[in-house]
Amino acid sequence: MSKDELIGILQDWNFWRKDLETGIPRHAYLARIKQFLETNQVLTITGPRRAGKSFIMRQAAQALTQHGVGKENVLIVNFEDPRFPELNTKWLERLYETYLEFLTPKGQVYLFLDEVQEVEGWERWVRYMHELKKARLVVSGSNAKLLSRELGTLLTGRHLDVTVLLLSFGEFLEFSGITLKDRLDMLNQRVAIQGLLRKYLEHGAFPEVSLSEQKKALLLNYFEDLVTKDLLRRFRIRKPQELKALIKYYLSNVATLSTFNAIARSLKLSALTVEKFSGYLEQVYLVFFLRRFSFKVKEQEKSPRKVYSIDTGLSNVVGFRFSENAGRLAENVVFLQLKRRQAFEPELEVYYWKDVHHREVDFVLKHGTQVRELIQVCWHVEEASTKERETRSLVKAMGELKAGSALVITEDYEAEETFKEQRIRFVPLWKWLLGYDERDGT
């Protein structure tokens, strides 16, 4: 490939001579990236395929050019562009030299390397660029273990991580044309918000899906891409049908407890295969596993784990149907919101709780050595027997764990009640997701 051909491809991905589509801003991620770019660290952006990492990188690059950085000082490269030849560090160096020759940037250079894991040996080239202070580097990828393992080995203490998940409910409302300035805005648009929550639960939170009319087709296409590119090809899996059976099992059983041995018996696979494949699914952000709360590490390891999906829309097209499982999907959405909180609160740990009498609490939120809050998700809490069962578990866990507060997330019920001298709040899911709390009126 000639230099002219190479620079022609790069022009398609950069702001040098034209404006590029940047989509709807994801402000929380942009603020964090801006903060990290001010340090002398390599910034890694990870997250599931189609979560919007490329658009966020483009938005961050555009923000630099709007705040005094010359357009020629920013280079964006998407390594999934099929026009690129076989990717290796020798070619990567040639690409960078071609950029310098044609653009002649003066001062600090910023490199945004998208889906960098496609380049063989990329981590050594990134280290070389960082150590010689040739550029500020932002790299992205769709595999958590790959980026953390490779950079962790070569750049110990010299890289910062940002995990991009799918749209929060607040972002989903923005993508749907609803902007909330304050609590009054929220109350005035309550009916519209509740209608969009149903769509959020049913169709999920992939950015492009939220804007598309062909939601099911797009989700199925994403699923096939993820299986083919991120799983079968990357991990060289020789039994794709076994892998797909396991994926369907997990996506059909979100918010339920399972063990590798039990799944192996159900699917007629070996427990070793289930464990290995489950690790792969977690690495590419397709599923997450939640551990049981215990002060004993061995007990945590031996207990069943709860499984959650990266997206309720995927669960609905690959696994079960929305209308039959709204409660479990609501719990999945709560889990994902807690994962977003963890990205900004590294000290936050999340577990589930279960005692010997099979009383269960969906989420235990722990900061340091202290359990701060218990969360139960109960879609139809108005039924007396349901409320009694859910609050009994919460009261028991509050006493055992000395939790500071307890919350029940519901479809639409809202109250604050006392059970055995313990105060428990009931908050609708839509309001909790938007962060509005009746206690302080914000």
Protein backbone atom coordinates (compact mmCIF):
# COMPACT_ATOMS: atom_id res chain seq x y z
CA MET A 1 0.00 0.00 0.00
CA SER A 2 1.41 3.38 -1.04
CA LYS A 3 1.61 6.38 1.29
CA ASP A 4 -1.02 8.19 -0.81
CA GLU A 5 -3.44 5.27 -0.38
CA LEU A 6 -2.72 5.12 3.33
CA ILE A 7 -3.27 8.81 3.98
CA GLY A 8 -6.45 8.61 1.87
CA ILE A 9 -7.87 5.99 4.26
CA LEU A 10 -6.82 8.01 7.31
CA GLN A 11 -8.57 11.11 5.97
CA ASP A 12 -11.86 9.22 6.15
CA TRP A 13 -11.44 8.76 9.92
CA ASN A 14 -10.14 12.23 10.86
CA PHE A 15 -11.23 15.86 11.18
CA TRP A 16 -8.33 17.23 9.10
CA ARG A 17 -10.33 18.41 6.08
CA LYS A 18 -13.96 17.70 6.99
CA ASP A 19 -16.47 17.36 9.80
CA LEU A 20 -17.26 13.83 10.91
CA GLU A 21 -20.46 12.51 12.40
CA THR A 22 -19.99 12.37 16.17
CA GLY A 23 -23.47 11.32 17.31
CA ILE A 24 -25.13 12.29 20.57
CA PRO A 25 -22.55 13.20 23.26
CA ARG A 26 -22.06 10.77 26.18
CA HIS A 27 -21.14 13.49 28.68
CA ALA A 28 -20.13 11.35 31.68
CA TYR A 29 -17.58 9.42 29.64
CA LEU A 30 -16.28 12.53 27.88
CA ALA A 31 -15.65 14.28 31.19
CA ARG A 32 -13.69 11.31 32.47
CA ILE A 33 -11.63 11.01 29.28
CA LYS A 34 -10.85 14.74 29.38
CA GLN A 35 -9.65 14.37 32.96
CA PHE A 36 -7.48 11.36 32.11
CA LEU A 37 -5.98 13.00 29.00
CA GLU A 38 -4.49 15.67 31.25
CA THR A 39 -2.30 12.99 32.85
CA ASN A 40 0.74 11.38 31.30
CA GLN A 41 -0.92 7.96 31.14
CA VAL A 42 -2.08 5.64 28.38
CA LEU A 43 -5.89 5.67 28.41
CA THR A 44 -7.65 2.37 27.63
CA ILE A 45 -11.32 2.33 26.67
CA THR A 46 -13.00 -1.05 26.87
CA GLY A 47 -16.58 -2.24 26.61
CA PRO A 48 -18.88 -4.46 24.57
CA ARG A 49 -19.01 -4.33 20.80
CA ARG A 50 -21.40 -1.61 19.54
CA ALA A 51 -21.50 0.16 22.91
CA GLY A 52 -20.42 3.41 21.24
CA LYS A 53 -16.66 3.39 22.00
CA SER A 54 -15.75 4.63 18.52
CA PHE A 55 -18.19 7.54 18.70
CA ILE A 56 -16.97 8.47 22.18
CA MET A 57 -13.36 8.48 20.96
CA ARG A 58 -14.42 10.66 18.03
CA GLN A 59 -16.28 13.00 20.40
CA ALA A 60 -13.18 13.23 22.62
CA ALA A 61 -10.98 13.98 19.62
CA GLN A 62 -13.39 16.67 18.42
CA ALA A 63 -13.45 18.22 21.90
CA LEU A 64 -9.66 18.55 21.77
CA THR A 65 -9.83 20.41 18.47
CA GLN A 66 -12.51 22.72 19.90
CA HIS A 67 -10.29 23.62 22.84
CA GLY A 68 -7.09 24.72 21.13
CA VAL A 69 -5.52 21.52 19.78
CA GLY A 70 -4.83 21.70 16.05
CA LYS A 71 -6.81 19.25 13.91
CA GLU A 72 -3.54 18.03 12.43
CA ASN A 73 -2.35 17.07 15.93
CA VAL A 74 -5.05 14.43 16.34
CA LEU A 75 -4.85 11.05 14.60
CA ILE A 76 -7.74 8.55 14.75
CA VAL A 77 -7.21 5.04 13.38
CA ASN A 78 -9.91 2.36 13.21
CA PHE A 79 -8.15 -0.97 12.83
CA GLU A 80 -11.30 -2.77 11.73
CA ASP A 81 -11.21 -0.86 8.43
CA PRO A 82 -11.06 -3.70 5.85
CA ARG A 83 -8.84 -1.62 3.54
CA PHE A 84 -5.88 -1.97 5.87
CA PRO A 85 -3.42 -4.79 5.06
CA GLU A 86 -2.18 -7.37 7.54
CA LEU A 87 -1.69 -5.47 10.77
CA ASN A 88 1.58 -5.53 12.73
CA THR A 89 3.90 -3.06 14.49
CA LYS A 90 6.07 -2.52 11.41
CA TRP A 91 3.02 -1.41 9.46
CA LEU A 92 1.81 0.64 12.47
CA GLU A 93 5.10 2.56 12.55
CA ARG A 94 4.83 3.19 8.80
CA LEU A 95 1.30 4.50 9.30
CA TYR A 96 2.48 6.91 12.01
CA GLU A 97 5.43 8.13 9.93
CA THR A 98 3.12 8.72 6.96
CA TYR A 99 0.82 10.79 9.18
CA LEU A 100 3.78 12.90 10.39
CA GLU A 101 5.02 13.42 6.83
CA PHE A 102 1.70 14.58 5.42
CA LEU A 103 0.27 16.52 8.39
CA THR A 104 3.51 17.86 9.99
CA PRO A 105 1.90 18.46 13.43
CA LYS A 106 3.57 20.98 15.75
CA GLY A 107 3.48 20.28 19.48
CA GLN A 108 1.63 17.55 21.39
CA VAL A 109 0.18 14.73 19.26
CA TYR A 110 -2.88 12.71 20.32
CA LEU A 111 -3.36 9.17 18.98
CA PHE A 112 -6.74 7.42 19.16
CA LEU A 113 -6.28 3.74 18.26
CA ASP A 114 -9.68 2.05 17.91
CA GLU A 115 -9.98 -1.77 18.23
CA VAL A 116 -6.23 -1.89 18.69
CA GLN A 117 -6.23 -5.62 19.52
CA GLU A 118 -6.44 -6.25 15.76
CA VAL A 119 -2.74 -5.23 15.49
CA GLU A 120 -0.31 -8.00 16.37
CA GLY A 121 2.18 -6.76 18.99
CA TRP A 122 0.38 -3.44 19.47
CA GLU A 123 1.16 -3.29 23.21
CA ARG A 124 4.94 -2.98 22.69
CA TRP A 125 4.48 -0.22 20.15
CA VAL A 126 2.19 1.67 22.54
CA ARG A 127 4.76 1.32 25.32
CA TYR A 128 7.53 2.59 23.03
CA MET A 129 5.45 5.62 22.00
CA HIS A 130 4.52 6.35 25.62
CA GLU A 131 8.01 6.01 27.09
CA LEU A 132 9.54 8.26 24.43
CA LYS A 133 6.68 10.75 24.96
CA LYS A 134 5.97 10.85 21.25
CA ALA A 135 2.20 11.16 21.78
CA ARG A 136 -0.69 10.98 24.21
CA LEU A 137 -2.36 7.63 23.56
CA VAL A 138 -5.96 6.43 23.79
CA VAL A 139 -6.57 2.79 22.84
CA SER A 140 -9.86 0.89 22.70
CA GLY A 141 -10.95 -2.72 22.46
CA SER A 142 -13.87 -5.08 23.02
CA ASN A 143 -12.08 -7.54 25.27
CA ALA A 144 -11.53 -6.63 28.91
CA LYS A 145 -8.90 -9.26 29.67
CA LEU A 146 -6.86 -8.61 26.54
CA LEU A 147 -6.28 -4.93 27.16
CA SER A 148 -5.85 -5.20 30.92
CA ARG A 149 -3.49 -8.17 30.67
CA GLU A 150 -1.23 -6.83 27.94
CA LEU A 151 -0.97 -3.26 29.18
CA GLY A 152 -0.88 -4.40 32.79
CA THR A 153 2.27 -6.37 32.01
CA LEU A 154 4.04 -3.68 30.02
CA LEU A 155 2.71 -0.46 31.55
CA THR A 156 2.25 -1.22 35.24
CA GLY A 157 0.96 1.94 36.92
CA ARG A 158 1.12 3.89 33.67
CA HIS A 159 -2.34 3.40 32.21
CA LEU A 160 -5.88 4.37 33.20
CA ASP A 161 -9.07 2.52 32.27
CA VAL A 162 -12.54 3.63 31.20
CA THR A 163 -15.24 0.99 30.69
CA VAL A 164 -18.02 2.08 28.32
CA LEU A 165 -21.34 0.31 28.87
CA LEU A 166 -24.55 0.68 26.87
CA LEU A 167 -26.87 3.65 27.34
CA SER A 168 -28.01 4.51 30.84
CA PHE A 169 -31.72 5.30 31.06
CA GLY A 170 -30.90 9.01 31.22
CA GLU A 171 -28.85 8.72 28.03
CA PHE A 172 -31.61 6.63 26.45
CA LEU A 173 -34.07 9.46 27.10
CA GLU A 174 -31.69 11.93 25.43
CA PHE A 175 -31.39 9.61 22.41
CA SER A 176 -35.22 9.53 22.38
CA GLY A 177 -35.46 13.33 22.35
CA ILE A 178 -36.26 13.96 26.03
CA THR A 179 -34.01 16.28 28.03
CA LEU A 180 -34.59 16.64 31.76
CA LYS A 181 -33.24 19.82 33.36
CA ASP A 182 -34.66 19.26 36.84
CA ARG A 183 -37.17 17.32 38.92
CA LEU A 184 -40.10 19.41 37.65
CA ASP A 185 -39.21 18.41 34.08
CA MET A 186 -39.23 14.78 35.17
CA LEU A 187 -42.66 15.03 36.79
CA ASN A 188 -44.16 16.91 33.84
CA GLN A 189 -42.97 14.19 31.42
CA ARG A 190 -43.70 11.25 33.69
CA VAL A 191 -46.07 9.44 31.30
CA ALA A 192 -43.63 9.69 28.38
CA ILE A 193 -40.76 8.53 30.61
CA GLN A 194 -42.68 5.49 31.81
CA GLY A 195 -43.54 4.57 28.21
CA LEU A 196 -39.88 4.82 27.22
CA LEU A 197 -38.88 2.67 30.20
CA ARG A 198 -40.94 -0.18 28.72
CA LYS A 199 -39.06 0.24 25.44
CA TYR A 200 -35.76 0.35 27.37
CA LEU A 201 -36.60 -2.97 29.04
CA GLU A 202 -37.85 -4.58 25.84
CA HIS A 203 -35.38 -3.38 23.20
CA GLY A 204 -32.34 -2.69 25.37
CA ALA A 205 -29.75 0.05 25.32
CA PHE A 206 -27.44 -0.31 22.32
CA PRO A 207 -27.09 3.27 21.00
CA GLU A 208 -27.81 2.43 17.35
CA VAL A 209 -30.74 0.16 18.25
CA SER A 210 -32.36 2.96 20.27
CA LEU A 211 -32.37 5.13 17.11
CA SER A 212 -33.41 2.41 14.65
CA GLU A 213 -36.81 1.19 13.48
CA GLN A 214 -35.37 -2.26 12.74
CA LYS A 215 -34.52 -3.13 16.32
CA LYS A 216 -34.87 -6.91 16.23
CA ALA A 217 -32.90 -7.31 12.99
CA LEU A 218 -30.14 -5.07 14.32
CA LEU A 219 -29.93 -6.97 17.62
CA LEU A 220 -29.71 -10.31 15.83
CA ASN A 221 -26.98 -8.90 13.60
CA TYR A 222 -25.06 -7.67 16.67
CA PHE A 223 -25.40 -11.09 18.25
CA GLU A 224 -23.98 -12.87 15.20
CA ASP A 225 -21.11 -10.35 14.99
CA LEU A 226 -20.29 -10.83 18.64
CA VAL A 227 -20.34 -14.62 18.38
CA THR A 228 -18.31 -14.74 15.16
CA LYS A 229 -15.76 -11.96 15.69
CA ASP A 230 -15.35 -11.77 19.46
CA LEU A 231 -15.81 -15.42 20.42
CA LEU A 232 -15.41 -18.05 17.68
CA ARG A 233 -12.54 -16.34 15.87
CA ARG A 234 -10.71 -14.84 18.85
CA PHE A 235 -10.85 -17.91 21.09
CA ARG A 236 -10.68 -20.44 18.23
CA ILE A 237 -13.74 -22.32 19.41
CA ARG A 238 -14.33 -25.54 17.50
CA LYS A 239 -17.81 -26.31 18.83
CA PRO A 240 -19.95 -23.25 18.01
CA GLN A 241 -23.26 -25.01 18.73
CA GLU A 242 -22.20 -25.74 22.32
CA LEU A 243 -21.20 -22.11 22.78
CA LYS A 244 -24.51 -20.83 21.37
CA ALA A 245 -26.47 -23.21 23.60
CA LEU A 246 -24.69 -21.80 26.65
CA ILE A 247 -25.30 -18.20 25.53
CA LYS A 248 -29.00 -18.90 25.01
CA TYR A 249 -29.17 -20.52 28.45
CA TYR A 250 -27.64 -17.49 30.15
CA LEU A 251 -29.68 -14.91 28.22
CA SER A 252 -32.86 -16.87 29.02
CA ASN A 253 -32.06 -17.07 32.72
CA VAL A 254 -30.92 -13.59 33.75
CA ALA A 255 -31.20 -12.73 37.45
CA THR A 256 -31.17 -16.42 38.41
CA LEU A 257 -28.68 -18.47 40.40
CA SER A 258 -26.63 -21.16 38.69
CA THR A 259 -23.53 -23.30 39.00
CA PHE A 260 -21.31 -24.62 36.24
CA ASN A 261 -22.12 -28.21 37.25
CA ALA A 262 -25.89 -27.65 37.09
CA ILE A 263 -25.65 -25.95 33.68
CA ALA A 264 -23.40 -28.75 32.41
CA ARG A 265 -26.01 -31.34 33.36
CA SER A 266 -28.81 -29.31 31.77
CA LEU A 267 -26.96 -28.77 28.47
CA LYS A 268 -25.16 -32.13 28.46
CA LEU A 269 -21.75 -30.47 28.39
CA SER A 270 -18.72 -30.93 30.61
CA ALA A 271 -18.45 -28.60 33.60
CA LEU A 272 -14.95 -27.66 32.38
CA THR A 273 -16.38 -26.54 29.01
CA VAL A 274 -19.10 -24.50 30.71
CA GLU A 275 -16.57 -22.80 32.97
CA LYS A 276 -14.17 -22.04 30.10
CA PHE A 277 -16.90 -20.70 27.78
CA SER A 278 -18.42 -18.65 30.63
CA GLY A 279 -15.05 -16.94 31.09
CA TYR A 280 -14.99 -16.04 27.40
CA LEU A 281 -18.52 -14.59 27.56
CA GLU A 282 -17.52 -12.43 30.52
CA GLN A 283 -14.36 -11.21 28.78
CA VAL A 284 -16.35 -9.87 25.80
CA TYR A 285 -18.96 -8.28 28.09
CA LEU A 286 -21.85 -10.48 27.01
CA VAL A 287 -22.69 -11.63 30.54
CA PHE A 288 -21.69 -10.76 34.10
CA PHE A 289 -21.64 -12.95 37.20
CA LEU A 290 -22.55 -11.69 40.67
CA ARG A 291 -21.11 -13.38 43.76
CA ARG A 292 -22.83 -14.10 47.03
CA PHE A 293 -21.95 -11.81 49.94
CA SER A 294 -19.86 -13.53 52.58
CA PHE A 295 -17.00 -12.56 54.85
CA LYS A 296 -15.38 -15.90 53.87
CA VAL A 297 -13.73 -15.96 50.43
CA LYS A 298 -14.09 -19.74 50.13
CA GLU A 299 -17.84 -19.49 50.72
CA GLN A 300 -18.11 -16.82 48.02
CA GLU A 301 -16.29 -19.07 45.55
CA LYS A 302 -18.36 -22.18 46.30
CA SER A 303 -21.78 -20.49 46.21
CA PRO A 304 -23.90 -20.24 43.05
CA ARG A 305 -23.57 -17.02 41.08
CA LYS A 306 -26.25 -14.82 39.60
CA VAL A 307 -25.99 -14.14 35.88
CA TYR A 308 -26.88 -10.87 34.14
CA SER A 309 -26.91 -9.91 30.47
CA ILE A 310 -25.16 -6.91 28.92
CA ASP A 311 -28.47 -5.96 27.31
CA THR A 312 -32.12 -6.79 27.91
CA GLY A 313 -32.82 -6.39 24.19
CA LEU A 314 -30.39 -9.21 23.42
CA SER A 315 -32.03 -11.34 26.10
CA ASN A 316 -35.39 -10.80 24.45
CA VAL A 317 -34.35 -11.69 20.90
CA VAL A 318 -32.01 -14.57 21.79
CA GLY A 319 -33.60 -15.84 25.00
CA PHE A 320 -36.99 -15.18 26.63
CA ARG A 321 -39.70 -12.65 25.88
CA PHE A 322 -40.13 -9.27 27.59
CA SER A 323 -43.82 -9.48 28.51
CA GLU A 324 -43.31 -12.68 30.50
CA ASN A 325 -40.23 -11.57 32.42
CA ALA A 326 -40.48 -7.84 33.13
CA GLY A 327 -39.39 -8.33 36.76
CA ARG A 328 -36.19 -10.18 35.87
CA LEU A 329 -35.38 -7.68 33.13
CA ALA A 330 -35.90 -4.84 35.61
CA GLU A 331 -33.43 -6.52 37.97
CA ASN A 332 -30.97 -6.85 35.07
CA VAL A 333 -31.29 -3.11 34.37
CA VAL A 334 -30.66 -2.31 38.05
CA PHE A 335 -27.53 -4.48 37.99
CA LEU A 336 -26.20 -2.66 34.91
CA GLN A 337 -26.82 0.71 36.55
CA LEU A 338 -24.81 -0.47 39.56
CA LYS A 339 -22.02 -1.51 37.15
CA ARG A 340 -22.00 2.06 35.81
CA ARG A 341 -21.70 3.37 39.36
CA GLN A 342 -18.74 1.06 39.96
CA ALA A 343 -16.95 2.61 36.98
CA PHE A 344 -17.05 5.98 38.77
CA GLU A 345 -16.83 4.64 42.33
CA PRO A 346 -14.00 2.06 42.33
CA GLU A 347 -14.48 1.38 46.07
CA LEU A 348 -18.06 0.15 45.50
CA GLU A 349 -18.52 -3.63 45.68
CA VAL A 350 -21.79 -5.34 44.71
CA TYR A 351 -23.02 -8.80 45.81
CA TYR A 352 -26.25 -10.68 46.38
CA TRP A 353 -27.24 -12.06 49.83
CA LYS A 354 -28.85 -15.36 50.73
CA ASP A 355 -29.19 -17.12 54.07
CA VAL A 356 -29.65 -20.78 55.05
CA HIS A 357 -33.45 -20.33 54.97
CA HIS A 358 -33.23 -19.23 51.31
CA ARG A 359 -34.19 -15.64 52.07
CA GLU A 360 -32.56 -13.53 49.39
CA VAL A 361 -31.68 -9.89 48.74
CA ASP A 362 -30.84 -8.96 45.16
CA PHE A 363 -28.02 -6.47 45.79
CA VAL A 364 -25.69 -5.71 48.68
CA LEU A 365 -23.71 -2.47 48.22
CA LYS A 366 -20.47 -2.41 50.18
CA HIS A 367 -17.96 0.44 50.56
CA GLY A 368 -14.73 -0.60 52.22
CA THR A 369 -15.68 -2.70 55.24
CA GLN A 370 -19.20 -1.27 55.55
CA VAL A 371 -22.44 -2.41 53.93
CA ARG A 372 -24.11 0.86 52.93
CA GLU A 373 -27.32 -0.23 51.24
CA LEU A 374 -29.49 -3.22 50.37
CA ILE A 375 -31.59 -3.22 47.19
CA GLN A 376 -34.47 -5.52 46.37
CA VAL A 377 -36.16 -5.45 42.95
CA CYS A 378 -39.85 -6.34 43.13
CA TRP A 379 -41.99 -5.47 40.11
CA HIS A 380 -45.45 -6.08 41.63
CA VAL A 381 -44.96 -5.18 45.28
CA GLU A 382 -48.60 -4.16 45.81
CA GLU A 383 -49.59 -7.78 46.48
CA ALA A 384 -49.54 -8.28 50.28
CA SER A 385 -47.86 -11.70 50.19
CA THR A 386 -45.17 -10.45 47.82
CA LYS A 387 -44.44 -7.37 49.92
CA GLU A 388 -44.25 -9.46 53.10
CA ARG A 389 -41.81 -11.93 51.52
CA GLU A 390 -39.51 -9.27 50.06
CA THR A 391 -39.43 -7.06 53.16
CA ARG A 392 -38.86 -10.05 55.45
CA SER A 393 -35.66 -10.84 53.56
CA LEU A 394 -34.56 -7.19 53.71
CA VAL A 395 -35.21 -6.87 57.44
CA LYS A 396 -33.27 -10.08 58.13
CA ALA A 397 -30.32 -8.93 55.98
CA MET A 398 -30.33 -5.42 57.52
CA GLY A 399 -29.92 -6.93 60.96
CA GLU A 400 -27.26 -9.43 59.94
CA LEU A 401 -25.18 -7.05 57.80
CA LYS A 402 -25.84 -3.86 59.81
CA ALA A 403 -26.80 -2.10 56.59
CA GLY A 404 -27.38 1.64 56.65
CA SER A 405 -30.50 1.64 54.46
CA ALA A 406 -32.77 -0.60 52.41
CA LEU A 407 -34.60 0.05 49.17
CA VAL A 408 -37.22 -1.80 47.13
CA ILE A 409 -37.30 -0.89 43.44
CA THR A 410 -40.79 -1.32 41.97
CA GLU A 411 -42.75 -0.80 38.77
CA ASP A 412 -44.65 2.21 40.10
CA TYR A 413 -45.21 1.91 43.86
CA GLU A 414 -43.66 4.64 46.01
CA ALA A 415 -43.66 4.93 49.80
CA GLU A 416 -41.56 4.75 52.96
CA GLU A 417 -42.69 2.17 55.50
CA THR A 418 -41.55 0.60 58.77
CA PHE A 419 -41.16 -3.16 59.20
CA LYS A 420 -40.00 -4.47 62.59
CA GLU A 421 -38.53 -1.05 63.39
CA GLN A 422 -36.62 -0.93 60.09
CA ARG A 423 -37.36 1.84 57.58
CA ILE A 424 -37.62 0.66 53.98
CA ARG A 425 -38.15 2.91 50.97
CA PHE A 426 -40.07 1.90 47.84
CA VAL A 427 -39.06 3.74 44.65
CA PRO A 428 -40.23 3.23 41.02
CA LEU A 429 -37.51 1.96 38.71
CA TRP A 430 -37.72 4.93 36.33
CA LYS A 431 -37.19 7.41 39.15
CA TRP A 432 -34.31 5.44 40.67
CA LEU A 433 -32.57 5.16 37.29
CA LEU A 434 -32.77 8.92 36.84
CA GLY A 435 -31.24 9.53 40.26
CA TYR A 436 -34.07 11.56 41.78
CA ASP A 437 -34.48 10.91 45.48
CA GLU A 438 -37.59 11.97 47.43
CA ARG A 439 -35.57 12.22 50.64
CA ASP A 440 -33.78 15.39 49.60
CA GLY A 441 -36.08 16.57 46.82
CA THR A 442 -33.38 16.57 44.16
